[in-house]
Amino acid sequence: MNFLKTLFGIGPDPREVLVPLYNSIVIEARDRTWYADMGVPDTLDGRFDMVAAILSLVLVRFEGEGGAGRESGARLTELFIDDMDGQLRQLGIGDVVVGKHIGNMIAAMGGRLTAYRAAMGGGAALDEALVRNLWRGEPGPDARPALVAERMRAIKARLDTASGEDLRANGIPS
């Protein structure tokens, strides 16, 4: 494939540099602790919601960088869309309706980004946003929104202390 890219003058994919960061977002979102200990639904929707929550934290972090951050955020969002497209196709969703599902996912992602951007200031606003987005307004008896909020604030703190270059190259710091 590299031969064809060279032959036709196609440069490297600018998203490649963000793959380690995207992978770290997915790894963080799939951590069993969210589901087993904090009560996030261990369903397709619950896993999507966790990826969207962690991705939102990273996108908000990049917004603070200005132009370079906006470009990284756009490229990271493209990786998210490609991943969701692939996941839908693995589930057997056909070409005819994949676009509609992706559109719905992007709209949901946008809503979550707006909610988490506003809520990360602290207080009950984050708990409320989590209940609305992770539990779809109906937290079950195992739901622990305060623990999820605490962990999300800890991730945000790690993101805020890392340089943009380090995030892009190495992903979410431990």
Protein backbone atom coordinates (compact mmCIF):
# COMPACT_ATOMS: atom_id res chain seq x y z
CA MET A 1 0.00 0.00 0.00
CA ASN A 2 2.88 2.38 0.74
CA PHE A 3 4.11 1.78 -2.81
CA LEU A 4 0.77 3.01 -4.20
CA LYS A 5 0.83 6.06 -1.94
CA THR A 6 4.31 6.90 -3.18
CA LEU A 7 3.39 6.23 -6.80
CA PHE A 8 0.38 8.54 -6.69
CA GLY A 9 2.00 11.18 -4.49
CA ILE A 10 -0.26 10.56 -1.53
CA GLY A 11 1.46 11.53 1.70
CA PRO A 12 1.13 9.87 5.06
CA ASP A 13 -2.24 9.96 6.80
CA PRO A 14 -2.10 12.93 9.23
CA ARG A 15 -4.24 10.94 11.66
CA GLU A 16 -1.55 8.29 12.15
CA VAL A 17 0.23 10.35 14.79
CA LEU A 18 -2.97 10.31 16.89
CA VAL A 19 -3.55 6.54 16.78
CA PRO A 20 -1.73 5.93 20.11
CA LEU A 21 -3.91 8.59 21.75
CA TYR A 22 -7.11 7.18 20.26
CA ASN A 23 -6.13 3.68 21.34
CA SER A 24 -5.51 4.93 24.88
CA ILE A 25 -8.99 6.53 24.90
CA VAL A 26 -10.57 3.22 23.93
CA ILE A 27 -8.47 1.28 26.45
CA GLU A 28 -9.50 3.70 29.20
CA ALA A 29 -13.16 3.49 28.17
CA ARG A 30 -13.07 -0.32 28.17
CA ASP A 31 -11.55 -0.59 31.64
CA ARG A 32 -13.72 -3.03 33.57
CA THR A 33 -13.77 -0.76 36.60
CA TRP A 34 -16.25 1.57 34.90
CA TYR A 35 -18.70 -1.28 34.45
CA ALA A 36 -18.06 -3.66 37.37
CA ASP A 37 -17.39 -1.15 40.14
CA MET A 38 -19.13 2.03 38.96
CA GLY A 39 -22.24 0.58 37.36
CA VAL A 40 -21.86 1.93 33.84
CA PRO A 41 -24.01 -0.39 31.70
CA ASP A 42 -21.80 -3.02 30.08
CA THR A 43 -23.71 -2.83 26.80
CA LEU A 44 -22.98 -1.53 23.31
CA ASP A 45 -24.56 1.78 24.30
CA GLY A 46 -22.70 1.90 27.60
CA ARG A 47 -19.37 1.27 25.91
CA PHE A 48 -20.10 3.90 23.25
CA ASP A 49 -21.01 6.34 26.01
CA MET A 50 -17.73 5.71 27.83
CA VAL A 51 -15.67 6.19 24.66
CA ALA A 52 -17.61 9.41 24.03
CA ALA A 53 -17.00 10.58 27.62
CA ILE A 54 -13.24 9.99 27.53
CA LEU A 55 -12.95 11.36 23.99
CA SER A 56 -14.82 14.47 25.16
CA LEU A 57 -12.24 15.07 27.88
CA VAL A 58 -9.44 14.88 25.33
CA LEU A 59 -11.25 17.12 22.84
CA VAL A 60 -11.88 19.76 25.51
CA ARG A 61 -8.19 19.55 26.43
CA PHE A 62 -7.22 20.15 22.79
CA GLU A 63 -9.62 23.09 22.47
CA GLY A 64 -7.43 24.94 24.95
CA GLU A 65 -4.48 24.74 22.54
CA GLY A 66 -6.01 26.85 19.79
CA GLY A 67 -5.29 25.97 16.14
CA ALA A 68 -3.04 22.96 16.66
CA GLY A 69 -5.49 21.57 19.19
CA ARG A 70 -8.45 22.10 16.87
CA GLU A 71 -6.69 20.20 14.09
CA SER A 72 -5.79 17.36 16.45
CA GLY A 73 -9.35 17.31 17.72
CA ALA A 74 -10.73 17.09 14.19
CA ARG A 75 -8.33 14.27 13.28
CA LEU A 76 -9.14 12.43 16.50
CA THR A 77 -12.84 12.75 15.72
CA GLU A 78 -12.18 11.28 12.27
CA LEU A 79 -10.50 8.28 13.93
CA PHE A 80 -13.55 7.92 16.17
CA ILE A 81 -15.89 7.98 13.15
CA ASP A 82 -13.78 5.40 11.31
CA ASP A 83 -13.76 3.18 14.40
CA MET A 84 -17.53 3.45 14.86
CA ASP A 85 -18.07 2.72 11.15
CA GLY A 86 -15.93 -0.41 11.49
CA GLN A 87 -17.75 -1.49 14.66
CA LEU A 88 -21.14 -1.13 12.97
CA ARG A 89 -20.00 -3.15 9.99
CA GLN A 90 -18.67 -5.89 12.30
CA LEU A 91 -22.12 -6.03 13.87
CA GLY A 92 -23.54 -6.71 10.41
CA ILE A 93 -25.10 -3.30 9.79
CA GLY A 94 -25.34 -2.89 6.01
CA ASP A 95 -23.96 -0.12 3.85
CA VAL A 96 -27.40 1.35 3.28
CA VAL A 97 -27.95 2.31 6.92
CA VAL A 98 -24.40 2.69 8.27
CA GLY A 99 -24.40 6.38 7.33
CA LYS A 100 -27.59 7.02 9.28
CA HIS A 101 -26.20 5.26 12.34
CA ILE A 102 -22.93 7.20 12.07
CA GLY A 103 -24.90 10.45 11.80
CA ASN A 104 -26.79 9.57 14.98
CA MET A 105 -23.55 8.67 16.75
CA ILE A 106 -21.91 11.94 15.75
CA ALA A 107 -24.93 13.89 16.96
CA ALA A 108 -24.79 11.99 20.26
CA MET A 109 -21.06 12.63 20.51
CA GLY A 110 -21.63 16.35 19.93
CA GLY A 111 -24.26 16.46 22.67
CA ARG A 112 -21.99 14.67 25.10
CA LEU A 113 -19.07 16.94 24.26
CA THR A 114 -21.22 19.98 24.97
CA ALA A 115 -22.50 18.50 28.24
CA TYR A 116 -19.08 17.43 29.52
CA ARG A 117 -17.44 20.70 28.47
CA ALA A 118 -19.98 22.59 30.55
CA ALA A 119 -19.98 20.14 33.46
CA MET A 120 -16.27 19.65 34.06
CA GLY A 121 -16.22 22.82 36.14
CA GLY A 122 -17.30 20.73 39.11
CA GLY A 123 -20.23 20.23 41.41
CA ALA A 124 -23.37 18.30 40.71
CA ALA A 125 -23.43 19.35 37.06
CA LEU A 126 -21.02 16.55 36.11
CA ASP A 127 -22.99 13.95 38.07
CA GLU A 128 -26.16 15.10 36.29
CA ALA A 129 -24.50 14.97 32.88
CA LEU A 130 -23.23 11.46 33.62
CA VAL A 131 -26.66 10.22 34.73
CA ARG A 132 -28.19 11.70 31.59
CA ASN A 133 -25.56 10.30 29.22
CA LEU A 134 -24.22 7.07 30.75
CA TRP A 135 -27.43 5.83 32.30
CA ARG A 136 -29.83 7.57 29.90
CA GLY A 137 -31.50 9.24 32.87
CA GLU A 138 -32.27 5.94 34.62
CA PRO A 139 -29.39 4.96 36.92
CA GLY A 140 -29.86 1.49 38.29
CA PRO A 141 -29.02 0.38 41.82
CA ASP A 142 -25.39 -0.31 40.83
CA ALA A 143 -24.83 3.15 39.31
CA ARG A 144 -22.11 5.19 41.01
CA PRO A 145 -22.14 8.57 39.23
CA ALA A 146 -20.08 10.24 41.96
CA LEU A 147 -17.28 7.67 41.49
CA VAL A 148 -17.41 8.07 37.71
CA ALA A 149 -17.24 11.86 38.12
CA GLU A 150 -14.27 11.56 40.47
CA ARG A 151 -12.40 9.34 38.02
CA MET A 152 -13.22 11.59 35.08
CA ARG A 153 -11.86 14.59 37.00
CA ALA A 154 -8.68 12.62 37.69
CA ILE A 155 -8.30 11.84 33.98
CA LYS A 156 -8.90 15.52 33.16
CA ALA A 157 -6.18 16.51 35.64
CA ARG A 158 -3.73 14.10 33.98
CA LEU A 159 -4.66 15.47 30.55
CA ASP A 160 -4.22 19.06 31.74
CA THR A 161 -0.72 18.43 33.08
CA ALA A 162 0.53 16.62 29.95
CA SER A 163 1.94 18.51 27.00
CA GLY A 164 0.02 18.34 23.75
CA GLU A 165 2.95 16.64 22.05
CA ASP A 166 3.12 13.99 24.76
CA LEU A 167 -0.63 13.33 24.48
CA ARG A 168 -0.43 12.97 20.72
CA ALA A 169 2.56 10.64 20.84
CA ASN A 170 1.85 8.55 23.93
CA GLY A 171 -1.83 8.81 24.76
CA ILE A 172 -3.49 9.50 28.08
CA PRO A 173 -0.85 9.57 30.83
CA SER A 174 -1.11 7.02 33.62
